[in-house]
N, C-alpha and C. Protein backbone atom coordinates (compact mmCIF):
# COMPACT_ATOMS: atom_id res chain seq x y z
N MET A 1 10.06 25.63 -11.19
CA MET A 1 8.66 25.32 -11.06
C MET A 1 8.46 23.80 -11.07
N LEU A 2 9.14 23.13 -11.97
CA LEU A 2 9.03 21.68 -12.05
C LEU A 2 9.59 21.02 -10.79
N GLY A 3 10.66 21.59 -10.25
CA GLY A 3 11.24 21.06 -9.02
C GLY A 3 10.28 21.18 -7.84
N LEU A 4 9.57 22.30 -7.76
CA LEU A 4 8.59 22.50 -6.69
C LEU A 4 7.46 21.48 -6.81
N PHE A 5 6.97 21.29 -8.02
CA PHE A 5 5.91 20.30 -8.25
C PHE A 5 6.40 18.90 -7.89
N GLY A 6 7.63 18.58 -8.27
CA GLY A 6 8.20 17.28 -7.93
C GLY A 6 8.29 17.07 -6.43
N LEU A 7 8.66 18.13 -5.70
CA LEU A 7 8.72 18.05 -4.24
C LEU A 7 7.34 17.79 -3.65
N LEU A 8 6.31 18.44 -4.19
CA LEU A 8 4.94 18.21 -3.73
C LEU A 8 4.51 16.77 -3.99
N VAL A 9 4.89 16.23 -5.13
CA VAL A 9 4.53 14.85 -5.46
C VAL A 9 5.25 13.87 -4.53
N ILE A 10 6.54 14.09 -4.31
CA ILE A 10 7.33 13.19 -3.47
C ILE A 10 6.83 13.20 -2.03
N THR A 11 6.47 14.36 -1.51
CA THR A 11 6.01 14.46 -0.13
C THR A 11 4.52 14.23 0.01
N ALA A 12 3.82 13.98 -1.10
CA ALA A 12 2.37 13.73 -1.11
C ALA A 12 1.60 14.89 -0.48
N THR A 13 1.99 16.11 -0.82
CA THR A 13 1.35 17.30 -0.29
C THR A 13 0.38 17.87 -1.32
N PRO A 14 -0.93 17.89 -1.00
CA PRO A 14 -1.87 18.53 -1.90
C PRO A 14 -1.62 20.04 -1.93
N VAL A 15 -1.94 20.68 -3.03
CA VAL A 15 -1.69 22.12 -3.18
C VAL A 15 -2.41 22.91 -2.09
N ARG A 16 -3.60 22.47 -1.68
CA ARG A 16 -4.35 23.21 -0.66
C ARG A 16 -3.70 23.14 0.73
N MET A 17 -2.76 22.22 0.92
CA MET A 17 -2.09 22.06 2.21
C MET A 17 -0.78 22.83 2.31
N ILE A 18 -0.36 23.50 1.24
CA ILE A 18 0.92 24.21 1.25
C ILE A 18 1.01 25.24 2.37
N PRO A 19 0.00 26.12 2.59
CA PRO A 19 0.11 27.09 3.68
C PRO A 19 0.28 26.44 5.05
N GLN A 20 -0.46 25.36 5.30
CA GLN A 20 -0.34 24.67 6.59
C GLN A 20 1.05 24.06 6.76
N ARG A 21 1.57 23.44 5.71
CA ARG A 21 2.91 22.84 5.79
C ARG A 21 3.97 23.92 6.02
N LEU A 22 3.82 25.08 5.39
CA LEU A 22 4.78 26.17 5.60
C LEU A 22 4.73 26.67 7.05
N ARG A 23 3.52 26.75 7.61
CA ARG A 23 3.39 27.15 9.03
C ARG A 23 4.07 26.13 9.94
N GLU A 24 3.90 24.83 9.61
CA GLU A 24 4.54 23.78 10.42
C GLU A 24 6.06 23.89 10.36
N VAL A 25 6.60 24.14 9.18
CA VAL A 25 8.06 24.29 9.03
C VAL A 25 8.53 25.51 9.81
N ARG A 26 7.81 26.63 9.69
CA ARG A 26 8.17 27.85 10.42
C ARG A 26 8.17 27.60 11.93
N ASP A 27 7.13 26.94 12.44
CA ASP A 27 7.05 26.66 13.87
C ASP A 27 8.17 25.74 14.33
N ARG A 28 8.52 24.76 13.50
CA ARG A 28 9.59 23.83 13.85
C ARG A 28 10.93 24.58 13.92
N ILE A 29 11.17 25.47 12.96
CA ILE A 29 12.42 26.23 12.93
C ILE A 29 12.52 27.17 14.13
N LEU A 30 11.40 27.82 14.47
CA LEU A 30 11.39 28.78 15.57
C LEU A 30 11.22 28.12 16.94
N GLY A 31 10.98 26.82 16.98
CA GLY A 31 10.84 26.09 18.23
C GLY A 31 9.51 26.32 18.92
N ARG A 32 8.51 26.71 18.16
CA ARG A 32 7.17 26.94 18.73
C ARG A 32 6.40 25.63 18.80
N ALA A 33 5.40 25.62 19.70
CA ALA A 33 4.50 24.48 19.75
C ALA A 33 3.57 24.57 18.57
N PRO A 34 3.25 23.45 17.93
CA PRO A 34 2.36 23.50 16.77
C PRO A 34 0.97 23.99 17.14
N ALA A 35 0.39 24.83 16.29
CA ALA A 35 -0.96 25.34 16.51
C ALA A 35 -1.96 24.23 16.21
N PRO A 36 -3.10 24.22 16.91
CA PRO A 36 -4.11 23.20 16.61
C PRO A 36 -4.63 23.37 15.19
N THR A 37 -4.73 22.26 14.49
CA THR A 37 -5.22 22.31 13.11
C THR A 37 -6.71 22.04 13.09
N GLU A 38 -7.34 22.36 11.98
CA GLU A 38 -8.77 22.09 11.83
C GLU A 38 -8.96 20.96 10.84
N THR A 39 -9.98 20.15 11.12
CA THR A 39 -10.31 19.06 10.22
C THR A 39 -11.25 19.57 9.14
N ASP A 40 -11.64 18.70 8.23
CA ASP A 40 -12.49 19.11 7.11
C ASP A 40 -13.82 19.70 7.57
N ASP A 41 -14.36 19.25 8.69
CA ASP A 41 -15.65 19.77 9.13
C ASP A 41 -15.50 21.04 9.98
N GLY A 42 -14.28 21.52 10.17
CA GLY A 42 -14.06 22.77 10.88
C GLY A 42 -13.86 22.62 12.37
N ALA A 43 -13.98 21.42 12.89
CA ALA A 43 -13.78 21.20 14.32
C ALA A 43 -12.29 21.09 14.62
N ALA A 44 -11.89 21.52 15.78
CA ALA A 44 -10.49 21.44 16.18
C ALA A 44 -10.08 19.98 16.31
N THR A 45 -8.83 19.69 16.06
CA THR A 45 -8.32 18.33 16.13
C THR A 45 -8.44 17.81 17.56
N GLY A 46 -8.82 16.56 17.69
CA GLY A 46 -8.95 15.96 19.00
C GLY A 46 -10.38 15.98 19.52
N ALA A 47 -11.20 16.87 19.03
CA ALA A 47 -12.59 16.93 19.46
C ALA A 47 -13.41 15.98 18.60
N THR A 48 -14.20 15.14 19.25
CA THR A 48 -15.02 14.20 18.53
C THR A 48 -16.45 14.71 18.51
N LYS A 49 -17.00 14.81 17.33
CA LYS A 49 -18.37 15.27 17.19
C LYS A 49 -19.18 14.14 16.59
N ARG A 50 -20.24 13.75 17.27
CA ARG A 50 -21.08 12.67 16.78
C ARG A 50 -22.42 13.22 16.35
N SER A 51 -22.91 12.72 15.25
CA SER A 51 -24.20 13.17 14.76
C SER A 51 -25.34 12.38 15.41
N ARG A 52 -25.03 11.23 15.95
CA ARG A 52 -26.05 10.43 16.65
C ARG A 52 -25.38 9.67 17.79
N PRO A 53 -26.13 9.25 18.77
CA PRO A 53 -25.54 8.54 19.92
C PRO A 53 -24.92 7.20 19.50
N ALA A 54 -23.91 6.79 20.23
CA ALA A 54 -23.25 5.52 19.96
C ALA A 54 -24.15 4.37 20.38
N ARG A 55 -24.06 3.27 19.67
CA ARG A 55 -24.83 2.07 20.03
C ARG A 55 -24.14 1.36 21.17
N HIS A 56 -24.95 0.74 22.02
CA HIS A 56 -24.38 -0.02 23.15
C HIS A 56 -24.71 -1.46 23.04
């Protein structure tokens, strides 16, 4: 248990990110393309959402 916690500290992995990191490792081992991840606001990565128009 202590070794697992130490690994999380060394890799700077928050506990809430463990499932995502395990999926990434599984995909890397199986040679799959990584699935699109979601950001904190729930939007897919790469999509930019603006709450107001940009200034010019």
